[in-house]
């Protein structure tokens, strides 16, 4: 086989096999045992951090997700917060994702 036939095949296999997703951690906060959970509503916030070859531009994306979650429950308190830390891998880059959700009680 010639190099002209093998090189595109190798590049295609390398780029096609380089994407992957992984959930690293899931944290769950506590619930107030005296609250009325039926009256609450689910609130969600999601932020991302893009990393290319180890260089980042956004370093406070977790704090931003928490502030966004609090802003969606202004008149109440949030209980049962779950935080998922997810990474999506790409070609010489990856994206860290934070998904927070909780129960907003008035």
C-alpha atoms as a PDB file:
ATOM      1  CA  UNK A   1       0.000   0.000   0.000  1.00  0.00           C
ATOM      2  CA  UNK A   2       1.173   3.488  -0.737  1.00  0.00           C
ATOM      3  CA  UNK A   3       1.472   6.321   1.748  1.00  0.00           C
ATOM      4  CA  UNK A   4      -1.296   8.206  -0.084  1.00  0.00           C
ATOM      5  CA  UNK A   5      -3.770   5.464   0.854  1.00  0.00           C
ATOM      6  CA  UNK A   6      -2.597   4.770   4.390  1.00  0.00           C
ATOM      7  CA  UNK A   7      -2.239   8.363   5.664  1.00  0.00           C
ATOM      8  CA  UNK A   8      -5.926   9.384   5.198  1.00  0.00           C
ATOM      9  CA  UNK A   9      -6.998   6.119   6.821  1.00  0.00           C
ATOM     10  CA  UNK A  10      -4.778   6.698   9.862  1.00  0.00           C
ATOM     11  CA  UNK A  11      -5.932  10.314  10.229  1.00  0.00           C
ATOM     12  CA  UNK A  12      -9.593   9.290   9.972  1.00  0.00           C
ATOM     13  CA  UNK A  13      -9.199   6.549  12.574  1.00  0.00           C
ATOM     14  CA  UNK A  14      -7.304   8.856  14.927  1.00  0.00           C
ATOM     15  CA  UNK A  15      -9.835  11.687  14.717  1.00  0.00           C
ATOM     16  CA  UNK A  16     -12.841   9.367  14.901  1.00  0.00           C
ATOM     17  CA  UNK A  17     -11.584   7.518  17.975  1.00  0.00           C
ATOM     18  CA  UNK A  18     -10.527  10.585  19.942  1.00  0.00           C
ATOM     19  CA  UNK A  19     -13.940  11.638  21.309  1.00  0.00           C
ATOM     20  CA  UNK A  20     -15.026  10.296  24.686  1.00  0.00           C
ATOM     21  CA  UNK A  21     -17.270  11.349  27.575  1.00  0.00           C
ATOM     22  CA  UNK A  22     -16.837  10.554  31.245  1.00  0.00           C
ATOM     23  CA  UNK A  23     -18.680  11.358  34.486  1.00  0.00           C
ATOM     24  CA  UNK A  24     -16.029  11.770  37.164  1.00  0.00           C
ATOM     25  CA  UNK A  25     -17.928  12.687  40.289  1.00  0.00           C
ATOM     26  CA  UNK A  26     -21.479  13.157  41.511  1.00  0.00           C
ATOM     27  CA  UNK A  27     -22.047  14.978  44.794  1.00  0.00           C
ATOM     28  CA  UNK A  28     -25.378  15.179  46.631  1.00  0.00           C
ATOM     29  CA  UNK A  29     -26.214  17.580  49.459  1.00  0.00           C
ATOM     30  CA  UNK A  30     -28.634  16.894  52.285  1.00  0.00           C
ATOM     31  CA  UNK A  31     -32.383  17.509  52.606  1.00  0.00           C
ATOM     32  CA  UNK A  32     -34.215  19.221  55.439  1.00  0.00           C
ATOM     33  CA  UNK A  33     -36.365  16.471  56.993  1.00  0.00           C
ATOM     34  CA  UNK A  34     -39.069  18.982  57.940  1.00  0.00           C
ATOM     35  CA  UNK A  35     -39.589  20.549  54.515  1.00  0.00           C
ATOM     36  CA  UNK A  36     -42.537  20.066  52.196  1.00  0.00           C
ATOM     37  CA  UNK A  37     -40.967  18.647  49.051  1.00  0.00           C
ATOM     38  CA  UNK A  38     -44.175  18.561  46.991  1.00  0.00           C
ATOM     39  CA  UNK A  39     -44.310  22.370  46.865  1.00  0.00           C
ATOM     40  CA  UNK A  40     -40.780  22.711  45.465  1.00  0.00           C
ATOM     41  CA  UNK A  41     -39.571  22.987  41.887  1.00  0.00           C
ATOM     42  CA  UNK A  42     -36.419  21.637  40.260  1.00  0.00           C
ATOM     43  CA  UNK A  43     -33.849  24.265  39.232  1.00  0.00           C
ATOM     44  CA  UNK A  44     -30.813  23.534  37.031  1.00  0.00           C
ATOM     45  CA  UNK A  45     -27.611  25.293  36.029  1.00  0.00           C
ATOM     46  CA  UNK A  46     -24.898  24.183  33.610  1.00  0.00           C
ATOM     47  CA  UNK A  47     -21.513  25.701  32.814  1.00  0.00           C
ATOM     48  CA  UNK A  48     -18.499  24.595  30.806  1.00  0.00           C
ATOM     49  CA  UNK A  49     -14.748  25.104  30.693  1.00  0.00           C
ATOM     50  CA  UNK A  50     -12.944  24.556  27.389  1.00  0.00           C
ATOM     51  CA  UNK A  51      -9.331  23.381  27.643  1.00  0.00           C
ATOM     52  CA  UNK A  52      -6.993  23.160  24.667  1.00  0.00           C
ATOM     53  CA  UNK A  53      -3.635  21.489  25.193  1.00  0.00           C
ATOM     54  CA  UNK A  54      -3.800  22.280  28.929  1.00  0.00           C
ATOM     55  CA  UNK A  55      -4.564  26.001  28.550  1.00  0.00           C
ATOM     56  CA  UNK A  56      -7.812  27.282  30.101  1.00  0.00           C
ATOM     57  CA  UNK A  57      -9.619  30.592  29.835  1.00  0.00           C
ATOM     58  CA  UNK A  58     -12.471  30.057  32.315  1.00  0.00           C
ATOM     59  CA  UNK A  59     -11.337  29.015  35.788  1.00  0.00           C
ATOM     60  CA  UNK A  60     -14.389  29.853  37.923  1.00  0.00           C
ATOM     61  CA  UNK A  61     -17.015  27.873  36.023  1.00  0.00           C
ATOM     62  CA  UNK A  62     -18.093  25.919  39.126  1.00  0.00           C
ATOM     63  CA  UNK A  63     -18.776  29.126  41.071  1.00  0.00           C
ATOM     64  CA  UNK A  64     -20.700  30.483  38.089  1.00  0.00           C
ATOM     65  CA  UNK A  65     -22.925  27.384  38.029  1.00  0.00           C
ATOM     66  CA  UNK A  66     -23.655  27.780  41.747  1.00  0.00           C
ATOM     67  CA  UNK A  67     -24.497  31.498  41.324  1.00  0.00           C
ATOM     68  CA  UNK A  68     -26.783  30.656  38.379  1.00  0.00           C
ATOM     69  CA  UNK A  69     -28.523  28.008  40.494  1.00  0.00           C
ATOM     70  CA  UNK A  70     -29.049  30.470  43.366  1.00  0.00           C
ATOM     71  CA  UNK A  71     -30.386  33.108  40.962  1.00  0.00           C
ATOM     72  CA  UNK A  72     -33.123  30.713  39.832  1.00  0.00           C
ATOM     73  CA  UNK A  73     -34.411  30.387  43.414  1.00  0.00           C
ATOM     74  CA  UNK A  74     -34.440  33.979  44.688  1.00  0.00           C
ATOM     75  CA  UNK A  75     -37.379  33.733  47.097  1.00  0.00           C
ATOM     76  CA  UNK A  76     -36.563  30.362  48.616  1.00  0.00           C
ATOM     77  CA  UNK A  77     -33.817  27.968  49.559  1.00  0.00           C
ATOM     78  CA  UNK A  78     -32.300  25.137  47.573  1.00  0.00           C
ATOM     79  CA  UNK A  79     -32.067  21.626  48.991  1.00  0.00           C
ATOM     80  CA  UNK A  80     -30.820  18.317  47.660  1.00  0.00           C
ATOM     81  CA  UNK A  81     -28.272  19.859  45.318  1.00  0.00           C
ATOM     82  CA  UNK A  82     -26.604  17.352  42.998  1.00  0.00           C
ATOM     83  CA  UNK A  83     -23.412  18.311  41.195  1.00  0.00           C
ATOM     84  CA  UNK A  84     -22.149  16.278  38.245  1.00  0.00           C
ATOM     85  CA  UNK A  85     -18.604  16.789  36.958  1.00  0.00           C
ATOM     86  CA  UNK A  86     -18.321  15.574  33.357  1.00  0.00           C
ATOM     87  CA  UNK A  87     -15.463  15.660  30.856  1.00  0.00           C
ATOM     88  CA  UNK A  88     -15.829  15.403  27.084  1.00  0.00           C
ATOM     89  CA  UNK A  89     -12.529  14.613  25.384  1.00  0.00           C
ATOM     90  CA  UNK A  90     -11.621  15.795  21.913  1.00  0.00           C
ATOM     91  CA  UNK A  91      -8.571  16.174  19.691  1.00  0.00           C
ATOM     92  CA  UNK A  92      -5.877  17.857  21.870  1.00  0.00           C
ATOM     93  CA  UNK A  93      -8.694  19.446  23.866  1.00  0.00           C
ATOM     94  CA  UNK A  94     -11.430  18.644  26.338  1.00  0.00           C
ATOM     95  CA  UNK A  95     -14.450  20.310  27.890  1.00  0.00           C
ATOM     96  CA  UNK A  96     -15.159  20.171  31.610  1.00  0.00           C
ATOM     97  CA  UNK A  97     -18.867  20.444  32.340  1.00  0.00           C
ATOM     98  CA  UNK A  98     -20.691  21.101  35.594  1.00  0.00           C
ATOM     99  CA  UNK A  99     -24.389  20.306  35.942  1.00  0.00           C
ATOM    100  CA  UNK A 100     -26.017  21.401  39.201  1.00  0.00           C
ATOM    101  CA  UNK A 101     -29.632  20.840  40.081  1.00  0.00           C
ATOM    102  CA  UNK A 102     -31.638  21.119  43.245  1.00  0.00           C
ATOM    103  CA  UNK A 103     -35.078  21.493  44.736  1.00  0.00           C
ATOM    104  CA  UNK A 104     -36.150  25.111  45.290  1.00  0.00           C
ATOM    105  CA  UNK A 105     -38.452  25.419  48.300  1.00  0.00           C
ATOM    106  CA  UNK A 106     -40.362  28.650  48.958  1.00  0.00           C
END
